[in-house]
Amino acid sequence: MSDPFGIDILTLFPGFFRGPLRESILGRGRESGAADIRVTDIRDFARDRHRKTDDSPYGGGAGMVMKPGPLVRALEYASEATPTAPRILLTPQGDPLDQSRVESLAGGDGVILACGRYEGVDQRVRDGWIDQEISIGDFVLSGGEPAALVLVDAIVRLLPGVLGNRSSLDEESFSDGRLEYPHYTRPRNFRGREVPDVLLSGDHGRIAEWRREQALERTKERRPDLLEDEEQDE
């Protein structure tokens, strides 16, 4: 069996992750040995008796900024376990997260995720100790923890042996640049709403064609930008 995929999460609030990391796909990934997820408290790397990790910004302004010392020492500590893992800061100023980025990260040796808080982290940390900055959307969260959890979930489900049916990944939304087609299950009639006849036909060729058409129509309706990107790549 190959070595587990290493994920280090650096945070001021380790308790945020206790429940989610035990549940569903994340719990399965850890139990199977596919993923080794470690949560580290950045405060453990502060050197004063109050374990201080933030301070007021130079130049004035509202809020506090994460100090460079504790976070850099935490990053260096995590890098000792997985030297080749990219050090990623979760921030609304980062590059947008998409499926291709997730697949690229999942194909590596691991990731180190730094969760920012308050007004952000000292710029010197970003300049000298961060390899990538990632955003999960054009909105602001209370900290990087929810974004880190999103990224961890997206990565772990791609690791070998985590999903029961690996082929299900091939038809998911964004796997081919389009949204996924609609799904139906029993009962055949639910409160007057019927399952499309083609799905009951047993004709796998027709079903595949229907699903392709539905995926295209859904993408045109909800995310036409994906099709524009596809045309630009041609």
Protein backbone atom coordinates (compact mmCIF):
# COMPACT_ATOMS: atom_id res chain seq x y z
CA MET A 1 0.00 0.00 0.00
CA SER A 2 1.30 3.47 -0.86
CA ASP A 3 2.01 6.07 1.80
CA PRO A 4 -1.02 8.09 2.92
CA PHE A 5 -1.59 11.53 1.45
CA GLY A 6 -0.41 13.99 4.09
CA ILE A 7 -2.60 16.96 4.98
CA ASP A 8 -1.46 19.45 7.60
CA ILE A 9 -3.95 22.07 8.76
CA LEU A 10 -2.49 25.02 10.68
CA THR A 11 -5.15 26.89 12.64
CA LEU A 12 -5.87 28.96 15.72
CA PHE A 13 -9.05 26.94 16.25
CA PRO A 14 -8.26 23.20 16.06
CA GLY A 15 -11.62 22.32 17.60
CA PHE A 16 -13.31 23.48 14.41
CA PHE A 17 -12.12 20.31 12.65
CA ARG A 18 -12.76 17.62 15.28
CA GLY A 19 -16.26 16.65 14.22
CA PRO A 20 -16.02 16.97 10.43
CA LEU A 21 -12.80 14.96 10.17
CA ARG A 22 -14.51 11.97 11.78
CA GLU A 23 -17.52 11.91 9.47
CA SER A 24 -18.42 10.60 6.01
CA ILE A 25 -15.76 10.69 3.28
CA LEU A 26 -13.16 12.40 5.46
CA GLY A 27 -13.56 9.82 8.22
CA ARG A 28 -13.41 7.01 5.67
CA GLY A 29 -10.29 8.46 4.08
CA ARG A 30 -8.52 8.57 7.44
CA GLU A 31 -9.67 5.12 8.55
CA SER A 32 -8.61 3.52 5.27
CA GLY A 33 -5.14 5.01 5.51
CA ALA A 34 -5.56 6.97 2.28
CA ALA A 35 -5.17 10.28 4.08
CA ASP A 36 -3.17 11.32 7.13
CA ILE A 37 -4.78 14.54 8.34
CA ARG A 38 -3.00 16.43 11.09
CA VAL A 39 -4.39 19.54 12.78
CA THR A 40 -1.84 21.84 14.42
CA ASP A 41 -2.56 24.73 16.77
CA ILE A 42 -0.54 27.76 15.66
CA ARG A 43 -0.60 29.02 19.24
CA ASP A 44 1.75 26.17 20.18
CA PHE A 45 4.47 28.03 18.26
CA ALA A 46 4.07 31.34 20.10
CA ARG A 47 6.95 32.08 22.47
CA ASP A 48 5.33 34.31 25.05
CA ARG A 49 3.44 33.08 28.08
CA HIS A 50 0.13 34.39 26.69
CA ARG A 51 0.62 32.45 23.41
CA LYS A 52 -0.05 35.62 21.45
CA THR A 53 -0.44 35.16 17.69
CA ASP A 54 -1.78 38.55 16.56
CA ASP A 55 -0.95 42.22 16.91
CA SER A 56 -2.14 45.62 15.72
CA PRO A 57 -1.14 46.61 12.17
CA TYR A 58 1.65 49.05 11.40
CA GLY A 59 0.19 52.21 9.94
CA GLY A 60 -2.99 51.91 11.97
CA GLY A 61 -6.38 50.62 10.98
CA ALA A 62 -9.10 48.39 12.34
CA GLY A 63 -8.57 44.81 13.44
CA MET A 64 -5.54 42.69 14.17
CA VAL A 65 -2.98 40.92 11.99
CA MET A 66 -1.52 37.45 12.52
CA LYS A 67 2.12 37.73 13.64
CA PRO A 68 4.76 36.16 11.38
CA GLY A 69 6.73 34.26 14.02
CA PRO A 70 4.21 31.65 15.24
CA LEU A 71 2.80 30.99 11.76
CA VAL A 72 6.21 30.63 10.10
CA ARG A 73 7.40 28.25 12.81
CA ALA A 74 4.23 26.20 12.34
CA LEU A 75 4.78 26.12 8.57
CA GLU A 76 8.38 25.01 9.00
CA TYR A 77 7.33 22.31 11.45
CA ALA A 78 4.74 20.95 9.01
CA SER A 79 7.24 21.03 6.14
CA GLU A 80 9.56 18.69 8.04
CA ALA A 81 7.02 15.86 7.65
CA THR A 82 6.26 16.53 3.97
CA PRO A 83 9.02 18.71 2.48
CA THR A 84 7.55 18.67 -1.03
CA ALA A 85 3.99 19.60 -0.01
CA PRO A 86 2.90 23.06 -1.16
CA ARG A 87 2.22 25.54 1.61
CA ILE A 88 -1.20 27.03 0.88
CA LEU A 89 -2.85 30.05 2.45
CA LEU A 90 -6.65 30.09 2.35
CA THR A 91 -7.63 33.69 1.58
CA PRO A 92 -10.33 35.51 -0.43
CA GLN A 93 -7.47 37.17 -2.30
CA GLY A 94 -6.21 33.83 -3.64
CA ASP A 95 -6.64 32.08 -6.97
CA PRO A 96 -10.15 30.63 -7.41
CA LEU A 97 -10.41 26.96 -6.48
CA ASP A 98 -11.66 24.71 -9.28
CA GLN A 99 -11.67 21.00 -10.01
CA SER A 100 -8.48 21.07 -12.05
CA ARG A 101 -6.62 22.64 -9.11
CA VAL A 102 -8.05 20.02 -6.76
CA GLU A 103 -6.96 17.20 -9.06
CA SER A 104 -3.48 18.67 -9.34
CA LEU A 105 -3.11 18.89 -5.56
CA ALA A 106 -4.52 15.40 -5.03
CA GLY A 107 -1.88 14.05 -7.42
CA GLY A 108 0.97 15.33 -5.26
CA ASP A 109 2.51 14.15 -1.99
CA GLY A 110 0.38 16.26 0.34
CA VAL A 111 -0.63 19.79 1.26
CA ILE A 112 -0.01 22.21 4.12
CA LEU A 113 -2.98 24.52 4.70
CA ALA A 114 -2.62 27.74 6.66
CA CYS A 115 -5.86 29.21 7.95
CA GLY A 116 -5.78 32.98 8.19
CA ARG A 117 -7.78 34.96 10.76
CA TYR A 118 -8.63 38.52 11.71
CA GLU A 119 -7.51 41.05 9.07
CA GLY A 120 -5.11 38.51 7.56
CA VAL A 121 -1.50 37.42 7.97
CA ASP A 122 1.68 39.49 7.88
CA GLN A 123 2.63 40.03 4.23
CA ARG A 124 6.17 38.77 4.88
CA VAL A 125 4.76 35.31 5.56
CA ARG A 126 2.95 35.35 2.23
CA ASP A 127 6.05 36.55 0.41
CA GLY A 128 8.52 34.10 1.94
CA TRP A 129 6.77 30.99 3.20
CA ILE A 130 3.58 30.51 1.14
CA ASP A 131 3.63 28.70 -2.21
CA GLN A 132 0.00 29.15 -3.23
CA GLU A 133 -2.97 31.28 -2.18
CA ILE A 134 -6.42 29.81 -2.77
CA SER A 135 -9.93 31.26 -2.50
CA ILE A 136 -13.13 29.21 -2.50
CA GLY A 137 -15.25 32.13 -3.69
CA ASP A 138 -15.81 35.86 -3.90
CA PHE A 139 -16.97 36.29 -0.31
CA VAL A 140 -15.39 36.74 3.11
CA LEU A 141 -15.46 34.14 5.88
CA SER A 142 -14.61 34.55 9.55
CA GLY A 143 -11.38 32.67 8.88
CA GLY A 144 -9.66 30.15 6.65
CA GLU A 145 -10.99 27.11 8.52
CA PRO A 146 -14.21 26.58 6.50
CA ALA A 147 -12.26 27.05 3.27
CA ALA A 148 -9.62 24.56 4.39
CA LEU A 149 -12.32 22.01 5.16
CA VAL A 150 -13.80 22.47 1.68
CA LEU A 151 -10.41 21.90 0.07
CA VAL A 152 -9.63 18.87 2.24
CA ASP A 153 -12.96 17.25 1.36
CA ALA A 154 -12.44 17.90 -2.36
CA ILE A 155 -8.96 16.33 -2.24
CA VAL A 156 -9.68 13.31 -0.03
CA ARG A 157 -12.58 12.05 -2.13
CA LEU A 158 -10.20 11.81 -5.11
CA LEU A 159 -7.65 9.64 -3.30
CA PRO A 160 -7.49 5.97 -4.33
CA GLY A 161 -9.70 3.69 -2.27
CA VAL A 162 -11.80 6.40 -0.63
CA LEU A 163 -14.92 6.29 -2.84
CA GLY A 164 -16.68 2.97 -3.22
CA ASN A 165 -17.27 3.44 -6.96
CA ARG A 166 -14.28 5.20 -8.50
CA SER A 167 -16.03 5.55 -11.86
CA SER A 168 -18.54 7.97 -10.34
CA LEU A 169 -15.83 10.62 -10.45
CA ASP A 170 -15.80 10.54 -14.24
CA GLU A 171 -19.33 11.91 -14.61
CA GLU A 172 -19.38 14.52 -11.86
CA SER A 173 -19.86 18.22 -12.41
CA PHE A 174 -16.70 19.89 -13.76
CA SER A 175 -15.05 16.54 -14.56
CA ASP A 176 -15.39 17.35 -18.28
CA GLY A 177 -15.94 21.09 -18.00
CA ARG A 178 -19.71 20.78 -17.70
CA LEU A 179 -22.30 20.40 -14.97
CA GLU A 180 -23.65 16.97 -14.18
CA TYR A 181 -26.90 15.62 -15.63
CA PRO A 182 -30.05 15.11 -13.45
CA HIS A 183 -30.45 11.97 -11.34
CA TYR A 184 -33.57 9.99 -10.41
CA THR A 185 -34.33 7.01 -8.17
CA ARG A 186 -37.39 5.16 -6.85
CA PRO A 187 -40.32 5.69 -6.77
CA ARG A 188 -41.08 6.04 -10.48
CA ASN A 189 -43.86 8.52 -9.72
CA PHE A 190 -43.42 10.97 -6.85
CA ARG A 191 -46.39 13.24 -6.22
CA GLY A 192 -47.23 13.37 -9.89
CA ARG A 193 -43.67 13.84 -11.10
CA GLU A 194 -42.46 11.03 -13.35
CA VAL A 195 -38.99 9.69 -14.07
CA PRO A 196 -38.10 10.35 -17.74
CA ASP A 197 -39.04 7.36 -19.89
CA VAL A 198 -35.59 7.10 -21.46
CA LEU A 199 -34.08 6.12 -18.09
CA LEU A 200 -36.48 3.18 -17.91
CA SER A 201 -35.84 2.01 -21.48
CA GLY A 202 -32.80 -0.17 -20.79
CA ASP A 203 -31.18 1.31 -23.90
CA HIS A 204 -27.78 2.37 -22.58
CA GLY A 205 -26.89 4.23 -25.76
CA ARG A 206 -30.01 6.38 -25.57
CA ILE A 207 -29.49 6.94 -21.86
CA ALA A 208 -25.90 8.08 -22.40
CA GLU A 209 -27.00 10.47 -25.15
CA TRP A 210 -29.83 11.86 -22.98
CA ARG A 211 -27.40 12.46 -20.14
CA ARG A 212 -24.96 14.28 -22.43
CA GLU A 213 -27.76 16.50 -23.73
CA GLN A 214 -29.04 17.22 -20.22
CA ALA A 215 -25.56 18.08 -18.99
CA LEU A 216 -25.08 20.49 -21.87
CA GLU A 217 -28.47 22.15 -21.35
CA ARG A 218 -27.92 22.52 -17.62
CA THR A 219 -24.50 24.06 -18.23
CA LYS A 220 -25.90 26.49 -20.81
CA GLU A 221 -28.59 27.55 -18.37
CA ARG A 222 -26.58 27.80 -15.15
CA ARG A 223 -22.90 28.16 -16.06
CA PRO A 224 -22.50 29.36 -19.67
CA ASP A 225 -19.05 30.62 -18.72
CA LEU A 226 -17.83 27.01 -18.63
CA LEU A 227 -18.75 26.57 -22.27
CA GLU A 228 -17.07 29.87 -23.17
CA ASP A 229 -13.88 28.62 -21.52
CA GLU A 230 -14.17 25.40 -23.51
CA GLU A 231 -14.45 27.31 -26.79
CA GLN A 232 -11.40 29.44 -25.96
CA ASP A 233 -9.34 26.30 -25.32
CA GLU A 234 -10.13 24.89 -28.77
